[in-house]
Amino acid sequence: MKKVRCNFCGSDRYEERKIEYLYSHKGKHLLVFDTPVEICLNCGMVYYDGAVLKDIERRFFAIQNKIEKPEHYIKMPAEVYVYHG
């Protein structure tokens, strides 16, 4: 990824990491491990490469359309928050 200034704080200090990315669309989810990102060392803003996000989206729809298979399935607990204020 190209080094640029943070759009949030203006810092030019970044660190490359791999994180978990949760793609969600219409109540369906794809959890992607080892997603490459750059993180601003000053404020923590996370930057994704556009090509990486497009590939995740492509994979999500390929799995939904049964063109590809995920590595495995996991169960995720769900909770609905109701405000009683």
PDB file of N, CA and C in Angstrom:
ATOM      1  N   MET A   1       0.833  -1.188   0.000  1.00  0.00           N
ATOM      2  CA  MET A   1       0.000   0.000   0.000  1.00  0.00           C
ATOM      3  C   MET A   1       0.874   1.247   0.000  1.00  0.00           C
ATOM      4  N   LYS A   2       0.374   2.263  -0.654  1.00  0.00           N
ATOM      5  CA  LYS A   2       1.112   3.512  -0.773  1.00  0.00           C
ATOM      6  C   LYS A   2       1.010   4.310   0.534  1.00  0.00           C
ATOM      7  N   LYS A   3       2.137   4.839   0.988  1.00  0.00           N
ATOM      8  CA  LYS A   3       2.165   5.658   2.203  1.00  0.00           C
ATOM      9  C   LYS A   3       1.606   7.039   1.909  1.00  0.00           C
ATOM     10  N   VAL A   4       0.618   7.456   2.659  1.00  0.00           N
ATOM     11  CA  VAL A   4       0.007   8.773   2.516  1.00  0.00           C
ATOM     12  C   VAL A   4      -0.271   9.335   3.902  1.00  0.00           C
ATOM     13  N   ARG A   5      -0.779  10.523   3.946  1.00  0.00           N
ATOM     14  CA  ARG A   5      -1.155  11.133   5.219  1.00  0.00           C
ATOM     15  C   ARG A   5      -2.537  10.631   5.636  1.00  0.00           C
ATOM     16  N   CYS A   6      -2.718  10.482   6.934  1.00  0.00           N
ATOM     17  CA  CYS A   6      -4.003  10.062   7.484  1.00  0.00           C
ATOM     18  C   CYS A   6      -5.050  11.134   7.199  1.00  0.00           C
ATOM     19  N   ASN A   7      -6.180  10.717   6.674  1.00  0.00           N
ATOM     20  CA  ASN A   7      -7.262  11.650   6.382  1.00  0.00           C
ATOM     21  C   ASN A   7      -7.910  12.200   7.648  1.00  0.00           C
ATOM     22  N   PHE A   8      -7.730  11.513   8.760  1.00  0.00           N
ATOM     23  CA  PHE A   8      -8.358  11.933  10.009  1.00  0.00           C
ATOM     24  C   PHE A   8      -7.476  12.886  10.811  1.00  0.00           C
ATOM     25  N   CYS A   9      -6.197  12.505  11.026  1.00  0.00           N
ATOM     26  CA  CYS A   9      -5.333  13.315  11.899  1.00  0.00           C
ATOM     27  C   CYS A   9      -4.148  13.959  11.184  1.00  0.00           C
ATOM     28  N   GLY A  10      -3.872  13.568   9.936  1.00  0.00           N
ATOM     29  CA  GLY A  10      -2.773  14.153   9.181  1.00  0.00           C
ATOM     30  C   GLY A  10      -1.418  13.491   9.377  1.00  0.00           C
ATOM     31  N   SER A  11      -1.331  12.491  10.239  1.00  0.00           N
ATOM     32  CA  SER A  11      -0.063  11.802  10.496  1.00  0.00           C
ATOM     33  C   SER A  11       0.388  11.023   9.267  1.00  0.00           C
ATOM     34  N   ASP A  12       1.705  10.852   9.129  1.00  0.00           N
ATOM     35  CA  ASP A  12       2.230  10.014   8.049  1.00  0.00           C
ATOM     36  C   ASP A  12       2.873   8.746   8.608  1.00  0.00           C
ATOM     37  N   ARG A  13       2.577   8.429   9.855  1.00  0.00           N
ATOM     38  CA  ARG A  13       3.138   7.237  10.504  1.00  0.00           C
ATOM     39  C   ARG A  13       2.118   6.101  10.451  1.00  0.00           C
ATOM     40  N   TYR A  14       2.457   5.050   9.709  1.00  0.00           N
ATOM     41  CA  TYR A  14       1.579   3.899   9.542  1.00  0.00           C
ATOM     42  C   TYR A  14       2.307   2.617   9.884  1.00  0.00           C
ATOM     43  N   GLU A  15       1.505   1.592  10.168  1.00  0.00           N
ATOM     44  CA  GLU A  15       2.048   0.251  10.371  1.00  0.00           C
ATOM     45  C   GLU A  15       1.179  -0.715   9.581  1.00  0.00           C
ATOM     46  N   GLU A  16       1.807  -1.618   8.857  1.00  0.00           N
ATOM     47  CA  GLU A  16       1.066  -2.649   8.138  1.00  0.00           C
ATOM     48  C   GLU A  16       0.768  -3.786   9.099  1.00  0.00           C
ATOM     49  N   ARG A  17      -0.482  -4.238   9.074  1.00  0.00           N
ATOM     50  CA  ARG A  17      -0.925  -5.355   9.922  1.00  0.00           C
ATOM     51  C   ARG A  17      -1.891  -6.223   9.140  1.00  0.00           C
ATOM     52  N   LYS A  18      -2.255  -7.347   9.743  1.00  0.00           N
ATOM     53  CA  LYS A  18      -3.304  -8.210   9.218  1.00  0.00           C
ATOM     54  C   LYS A  18      -4.340  -8.358  10.327  1.00  0.00           C
ATOM     55  N   ILE A  19      -5.599  -8.108   9.959  1.00  0.00           N
ATOM     56  CA  ILE A  19      -6.675  -8.153  10.943  1.00  0.00           C
ATOM     57  C   ILE A  19      -7.828  -8.995  10.416  1.00  0.00           C
ATOM     58  N   GLU A  20      -8.840  -9.209  11.254  1.00  0.00           N
ATOM     59  CA  GLU A  20     -10.064  -9.863  10.832  1.00  0.00           C
ATOM     60  C   GLU A  20     -11.009  -8.795  10.285  1.00  0.00           C
ATOM     61  N   TYR A  21     -11.629  -9.065   9.139  1.00  0.00           N
ATOM     62  CA  TYR A  21     -12.552  -8.126   8.513  1.00  0.00           C
ATOM     63  C   TYR A  21     -13.909  -8.808   8.394  1.00  0.00           C
ATOM     64  N   LEU A  22     -14.947  -8.144   8.857  1.00  0.00           N
ATOM     65  CA  LEU A  22     -16.301  -8.695   8.774  1.00  0.00           C
ATOM     66  C   LEU A  22     -17.061  -7.968   7.669  1.00  0.00           C
ATOM     67  N   TYR A  23     -17.346  -8.687   6.594  1.00  0.00           N
ATOM     68  CA  TYR A  23     -18.139  -8.138   5.492  1.00  0.00           C
ATOM     69  C   TYR A  23     -19.592  -8.506   5.756  1.00  0.00           C
ATOM     70  N   SER A  24     -20.488  -7.532   5.693  1.00  0.00           N
ATOM     71  CA  SER A  24     -21.913  -7.757   5.945  1.00  0.00           C
ATOM     72  C   SER A  24     -22.730  -7.200   4.797  1.00  0.00           C
ATOM     73  N   HIS A  25     -23.753  -7.964   4.415  1.00  0.00           N
ATOM     74  CA  HIS A  25     -24.660  -7.514   3.366  1.00  0.00           C
ATOM     75  C   HIS A  25     -26.010  -8.191   3.581  1.00  0.00           C
ATOM     76  N   LYS A  26     -27.036  -7.377   3.827  1.00  0.00           N
ATOM     77  CA  LYS A  26     -28.410  -7.862   3.980  1.00  0.00           C
ATOM     78  C   LYS A  26     -28.522  -9.016   4.969  1.00  0.00           C
ATOM     79  N   GLY A  27     -27.885  -8.862   6.123  1.00  0.00           N
ATOM     80  CA  GLY A  27     -27.998  -9.857   7.192  1.00  0.00           C
ATOM     81  C   GLY A  27     -27.134 -11.093   7.036  1.00  0.00           C
ATOM     82  N   LYS A  28     -26.302 -11.121   6.025  1.00  0.00           N
ATOM     83  CA  LYS A  28     -25.368 -12.237   5.829  1.00  0.00           C
ATOM     84  C   LYS A  28     -23.959 -11.694   6.016  1.00  0.00           C
ATOM     85  N   HIS A  29     -23.065 -12.561   6.483  1.00  0.00           N
ATOM     86  CA  HIS A  29     -21.732 -12.098   6.863  1.00  0.00           C
ATOM     87  C   HIS A  29     -20.650 -13.039   6.340  1.00  0.00           C
ATOM     88  N   LEU A  30     -19.479 -12.442   6.118  1.00  0.00           N
ATOM     89  CA  LEU A  30     -18.278 -13.203   5.769  1.00  0.00           C
ATOM     90  C   LEU A  30     -17.144 -12.658   6.622  1.00  0.00           C
ATOM     91  N   LEU A  31     -16.553 -13.511   7.439  1.00  0.00           N
ATOM     92  CA  LEU A  31     -15.422 -13.117   8.282  1.00  0.00           C
ATOM     93  C   LEU A  31     -14.142 -13.522   7.567  1.00  0.00           C
ATOM     94  N   VAL A  32     -13.290 -12.528   7.276  1.00  0.00           N
ATOM     95  CA  VAL A  32     -12.070 -12.757   6.512  1.00  0.00           C
ATOM     96  C   VAL A  32     -10.867 -12.552   7.431  1.00  0.00           C
ATOM     97  N   PHE A  33     -10.127 -13.613   7.659  1.00  0.00           N
ATOM     98  CA  PHE A  33      -8.938 -13.552   8.504  1.00  0.00           C
ATOM     99  C   PHE A  33      -7.745 -13.040   7.698  1.00  0.00           C
ATOM    100  N   ASP A  34      -6.764 -12.487   8.380  1.00  0.00           N
ATOM    101  CA  ASP A  34      -5.506 -12.038   7.772  1.00  0.00           C
ATOM    102  C   ASP A  34      -5.705 -11.019   6.646  1.00  0.00           C
ATOM    103  N   THR A  35      -6.632 -10.087   6.841  1.00  0.00           N
ATOM    104  CA  THR A  35      -6.868  -9.028   5.868  1.00  0.00           C
ATOM    105  C   THR A  35      -5.797  -7.950   6.028  1.00  0.00           C
ATOM    106  N   PRO A  36      -5.024  -7.645   4.983  1.00  0.00           N
ATOM    107  CA  PRO A  36      -3.961  -6.635   5.104  1.00  0.00           C
ATOM    108  C   PRO A  36      -4.544  -5.228   5.213  1.00  0.00           C
ATOM    109  N   VAL A  37      -4.008  -4.460   6.155  1.00  0.00           N
ATOM    110  CA  VAL A  37      -4.430  -3.073   6.366  1.00  0.00           C
ATOM    111  C   VAL A  37      -3.221  -2.225   6.725  1.00  0.00           C
ATOM    112  N   GLU A  38      -3.401  -0.912   6.642  1.00  0.00           N
ATOM    113  CA  GLU A  38      -2.453   0.031   7.209  1.00  0.00           C
ATOM    114  C   GLU A  38      -3.189   0.753   8.320  1.00  0.00           C
ATOM    115  N   ILE A  39      -2.537   0.897   9.475  1.00  0.00           N
ATOM    116  CA  ILE A  39      -3.147   1.551  10.623  1.00  0.00           C
ATOM    117  C   ILE A  39      -2.308   2.767  10.987  1.00  0.00           C
ATOM    118  N   CYS A  40      -2.981   3.909  11.144  1.00  0.00           N
ATOM    119  CA  CYS A  40      -2.303   5.132  11.556  1.00  0.00           C
ATOM    120  C   CYS A  40      -1.824   4.957  12.992  1.00  0.00           C
ATOM    121  N   LEU A  41      -0.541   5.151  13.219  1.00  0.00           N
ATOM    122  CA  LEU A  41       0.027   4.978  14.549  1.00  0.00           C
ATOM    123  C   LEU A  41      -0.312   6.134  15.486  1.00  0.00           C
ATOM    124  N   ASN A  42      -0.841   7.214  14.937  1.00  0.00           N
ATOM    125  CA  ASN A  42      -1.208   8.354  15.770  1.00  0.00           C
ATOM    126  C   ASN A  42      -2.636   8.238  16.301  1.00  0.00           C
ATOM    127  N   CYS A  43      -3.599   7.942  15.430  1.00  0.00           N
ATOM    128  CA  CYS A  43      -5.005   7.944  15.850  1.00  0.00           C
ATOM    129  C   CYS A  43      -5.696   6.586  15.745  1.00  0.00           C
ATOM    130  N   GLY A  44      -5.069   5.605  15.071  1.00  0.00           N
ATOM    131  CA  GLY A  44      -5.658   4.274  14.967  1.00  0.00           C
ATOM    132  C   GLY A  44      -6.574   4.064  13.773  1.00  0.00           C
ATOM    133  N   MET A  45      -6.716   5.064  12.911  1.00  0.00           N
ATOM    134  CA  MET A  45      -7.559   4.925  11.726  1.00  0.00           C
ATOM    135  C   MET A  45      -7.041   3.770  10.877  1.00  0.00           C
ATOM    136  N   VAL A  46      -7.964   2.942  10.368  1.00  0.00           N
ATOM    137  CA  VAL A  46      -7.611   1.761   9.591  1.00  0.00           C
ATOM    138  C   VAL A  46      -7.879   2.035   8.114  1.00  0.00           C
ATOM    139  N   TYR A  47      -6.904   1.698   7.268  1.00  0.00           N
ATOM    140  CA  TYR A  47      -7.019   1.896   5.821  1.00  0.00           C
ATOM    141  C   TYR A  47      -6.899   0.552   5.107  1.00  0.00           C
ATOM    142  N   TYR A  48      -7.860   0.285   4.215  1.00  0.00           N
ATOM    143  CA  TYR A  48      -7.884  -0.935   3.417  1.00  0.00           C
ATOM    144  C   TYR A  48      -7.559  -0.583   1.975  1.00  0.00           C
ATOM    145  N   ASP A  49      -6.853  -1.441   1.292  1.00  0.00           N
ATOM    146  CA  ASP A  49      -6.598  -1.281  -0.131  1.00  0.00           C
ATOM    147  C   ASP A  49      -7.895  -1.610  -0.872  1.00  0.00           C
ATOM    148  N   GLY A  50      -8.252  -0.796  -1.852  1.00  0.00           N
ATOM    149  CA  GLY A  50      -9.489  -0.991  -2.598  1.00  0.00           C
ATOM    150  C   GLY A  50      -9.570  -2.350  -3.274  1.00  0.00           C
ATOM    151  N   ALA A  51      -8.451  -2.838  -3.795  1.00  0.00           N
ATOM    152  CA  ALA A  51      -8.440  -4.141  -4.468  1.00  0.00           C
ATOM    153  C   ALA A  51      -8.749  -5.265  -3.483  1.00  0.00           C
ATOM    154  N   VAL A  52      -8.288  -5.122  -2.246  1.00  0.00           N
ATOM    155  CA  VAL A  52      -8.559  -6.133  -1.209  1.00  0.00           C
ATOM    156  C   VAL A  52     -10.055  -6.156  -0.906  1.00  0.00           C
ATOM    157  N   LEU A  53     -10.665  -4.986  -0.752  1.00  0.00           N
ATOM    158  CA  LEU A  53     -12.096  -4.918  -0.451  1.00  0.00           C
ATOM    159  C   LEU A  53     -12.936  -5.458  -1.609  1.00  0.00           C
ATOM    160  N   LYS A  54     -12.543  -5.165  -2.840  1.00  0.00           N
ATOM    161  CA  LYS A  54     -13.267  -5.692  -4.004  1.00  0.00           C
ATOM    162  C   LYS A  54     -13.174  -7.214  -4.061  1.00  0.00           C
ATOM    163  N   ASP A  55     -12.010  -7.772  -3.710  1.00  0.00           N
ATOM    164  CA  ASP A  55     -11.852  -9.222  -3.722  1.00  0.00           C
ATOM    165  C   ASP A  55     -12.697  -9.872  -2.629  1.00  0.00           C
ATOM    166  N   ILE A  56     -12.782  -9.239  -1.460  1.00  0.00           N
ATOM    167  CA  ILE A  56     -13.629  -9.759  -0.385  1.00  0.00           C
ATOM    168  C   ILE A  56     -15.091  -9.747  -0.827  1.00  0.00           C
ATOM    169  N   GLU A  57     -15.524  -8.651  -1.444  1.00  0.00           N
ATOM    170  CA  GLU A  57     -16.900  -8.550  -1.933  1.00  0.00           C
ATOM    171  C   GLU A  57     -17.182  -9.614  -2.994  1.00  0.00           C
ATOM    172  N   ARG A  58     -16.240  -9.800  -3.913  1.00  0.00           N
ATOM    173  CA  ARG A  58     -16.394 -10.819  -4.960  1.00  0.00           C
ATOM    174  C   ARG A  58     -16.545 -12.204  -4.351  1.00  0.00           C
ATOM    175  N   ARG A  59     -15.693 -12.484  -3.372  1.00  0.00           N
ATOM    176  CA  ARG A  59     -15.729 -13.790  -2.713  1.00  0.00           C
ATOM    177  C   ARG A  59     -17.042 -13.988  -1.960  1.00  0.00           C
ATOM    178  N   PHE A  60     -17.520 -12.950  -1.276  1.00  0.00           N
ATOM    179  CA  PHE A  60     -18.787 -13.032  -0.550  1.00  0.00           C
ATOM    180  C   PHE A  60     -19.912 -13.455  -1.493  1.00  0.00           C
ATOM    181  N   PHE A  61     -20.038 -12.776  -2.629  1.00  0.00           N
ATOM    182  CA  PHE A  61     -21.123 -13.091  -3.555  1.00  0.00           C
ATOM    183  C   PHE A  61     -20.919 -14.440  -4.233  1.00  0.00           C
ATOM    184  N   ALA A  62     -19.683 -14.841  -4.473  1.00  0.00           N
ATOM    185  CA  ALA A  62     -19.416 -16.166  -5.037  1.00  0.00           C
ATOM    186  C   ALA A  62     -19.847 -17.254  -4.054  1.00  0.00           C
ATOM    187  N   ILE A  63     -19.615 -17.034  -2.769  1.00  0.00           N
ATOM    188  CA  ILE A  63     -20.049 -18.001  -1.751  1.00  0.00           C
ATOM    189  C   ILE A  63     -21.569 -18.012  -1.661  1.00  0.00           C
ATOM    190  N   GLN A  64     -22.192 -16.831  -1.656  1.00  0.00           N
ATOM    191  CA  GLN A  64     -23.652 -16.758  -1.581  1.00  0.00           C
ATOM    192  C   GLN A  64     -24.312 -17.432  -2.780  1.00  0.00           C
ATOM    193  N   ASN A  65     -23.682 -17.340  -3.949  1.00  0.00           N
ATOM    194  CA  ASN A  65     -24.231 -17.954  -5.164  1.00  0.00           C
ATOM    195  C   ASN A  65     -23.733 -19.375  -5.386  1.00  0.00           C
ATOM    196  N   LYS A  66     -23.040 -19.920  -4.389  1.00  0.00           N
ATOM    197  CA  LYS A  66     -22.541 -21.302  -4.396  1.00  0.00           C
ATOM    198  C   LYS A  66     -21.573 -21.589  -5.555  1.00  0.00           C
ATOM    199  N   ILE A  67     -20.845 -20.556  -5.962  1.00  0.00           N
ATOM    200  CA  ILE A  67     -19.798 -20.708  -6.974  1.00  0.00           C
ATOM    201  C   ILE A  67     -18.498 -21.116  -6.286  1.00  0.00           C
ATOM    202  N   GLU A  68     -18.280 -20.602  -5.095  1.00  0.00           N
ATOM    203  CA  GLU A  68     -17.120 -20.956  -4.277  1.00  0.00           C
ATOM    204  C   GLU A  68     -17.609 -21.424  -2.916  1.00  0.00           C
ATOM    205  N   LYS A  69     -16.720 -22.092  -2.183  1.00  0.00           N
ATOM    206  CA  LYS A  69     -17.036 -22.540  -0.831  1.00  0.00           C
ATOM    207  C   LYS A  69     -16.126 -21.812   0.159  1.00  0.00           C
ATOM    208  N   PRO A  70     -16.662 -21.481   1.329  1.00  0.00           N
ATOM    209  CA  PRO A  70     -15.802 -20.876   2.352  1.00  0.00           C
ATOM    210  C   PRO A  70     -14.891 -21.940   2.948  1.00  0.00           C
ATOM    211  N   GLU A  71     -13.820 -21.497   3.609  1.00  0.00           N
ATOM    212  CA  GLU A  71     -12.925 -22.444   4.269  1.00  0.00           C
ATOM    213  C   GLU A  71     -13.670 -23.224   5.340  1.00  0.00           C
ATOM    214  N   HIS A  72     -14.514 -22.529   6.114  1.00  0.00           N
ATOM    215  CA  HIS A  72     -15.354 -23.187   7.108  1.00  0.00           C
ATOM    216  C   HIS A  72     -16.426 -22.217   7.594  1.00  0.00           C
ATOM    217  N   TYR A  73     -17.382 -22.747   8.316  1.00  0.00           N
ATOM    218  CA  TYR A  73     -18.464 -21.948   8.875  1.00  0.00           C
ATOM    219  C   TYR A  73     -18.248 -21.810  10.374  1.00  0.00           C
ATOM    220  N   ILE A  74     -18.669 -20.676  10.924  1.00  0.00           N
ATOM    221  CA  ILE A  74     -18.647 -20.486  12.370  1.00  0.00           C
ATOM    222  C   ILE A  74     -20.021 -19.995  12.801  1.00  0.00           C
ATOM    223  N   LYS A  75     -20.379 -20.299  14.039  1.00  0.00           N
ATOM    224  CA  LYS A  75     -21.629 -19.791  14.592  1.00  0.00           C
ATOM    225  C   LYS A  75     -21.329 -18.494  15.316  1.00  0.00           C
ATOM    226  N   MET A  76     -22.183 -17.505  15.083  1.00  0.00           N
ATOM    227  CA  MET A  76     -22.001 -16.214  15.733  1.00  0.00           C
ATOM    228  C   MET A  76     -23.211 -15.944  16.622  1.00  0.00           C
ATOM    229  N   PRO A  77     -22.978 -15.595  17.868  1.00  0.00           N
ATOM    230  CA  PRO A  77     -24.114 -15.230  18.700  1.00  0.00           C
ATOM    231  C   PRO A  77     -24.722 -13.925  18.204  1.00  0.00           C
ATOM    232  N   ALA A  78     -26.017 -13.789  18.396  1.00  0.00           N
ATOM    233  CA  ALA A  78     -26.700 -12.570  17.948  1.00  0.00           C
ATOM    234  C   ALA A  78     -27.459 -11.964  19.116  1.00  0.00           C
ATOM    235  N   GLU A  79     -27.530 -10.678  19.120  1.00  0.00           N
ATOM    236  CA  GLU A  79     -28.207  -9.945  20.193  1.00  0.00           C
ATOM    237  C   GLU A  79     -28.912  -8.754  19.559  1.00  0.00           C
ATOM    238  N   VAL A  80     -30.111  -8.484  20.009  1.00  0.00           N
ATOM    239  CA  VAL A  80     -30.839  -7.308  19.563  1.00  0.00           C
ATOM    240  C   VAL A  80     -30.895  -6.331  20.719  1.00  0.00           C
ATOM    241  N   TYR A  81     -30.431  -5.128  20.457  1.00  0.00           N
ATOM    242  CA  TYR A  81     -30.437  -4.099  21.495  1.00  0.00           C
ATOM    243  C   TYR A  81     -31.721  -3.294  21.383  1.00  0.00           C
ATOM    244  N   VAL A  82     -32.446  -3.220  22.492  1.00  0.00           N
ATOM    245  CA  VAL A  82     -33.679  -2.422  22.539  1.00  0.00           C
ATOM    246  C   VAL A  82     -33.484  -1.334  23.572  1.00  0.00           C
ATOM    247  N   TYR A  83     -33.611  -0.094  23.136  1.00  0.00           N
ATOM    248  CA  TYR A  83     -33.436   1.042  24.019  1.00  0.00           C
ATOM    249  C   TYR A  83     -34.736   1.295  24.794  1.00  0.00           C
ATOM    250  N   HIS A  84     -34.630   1.355  26.091  1.00  0.00           N
ATOM    251  CA  HIS A  84     -35.784   1.596  26.952  1.00  0.00           C
ATOM    252  C   HIS A  84     -35.699   2.953  27.624  1.00  0.00           C
ATOM    253  N   GLY A  85     -35.323   3.987  26.915  1.00  0.00           N
ATOM    254  CA  GLY A  85     -35.103   5.301  27.496  1.00  0.00           C
ATOM    255  C   GLY A  85     -36.269   6.138  27.418  1.00  0.00           C
TER     256      GLY A  85
END
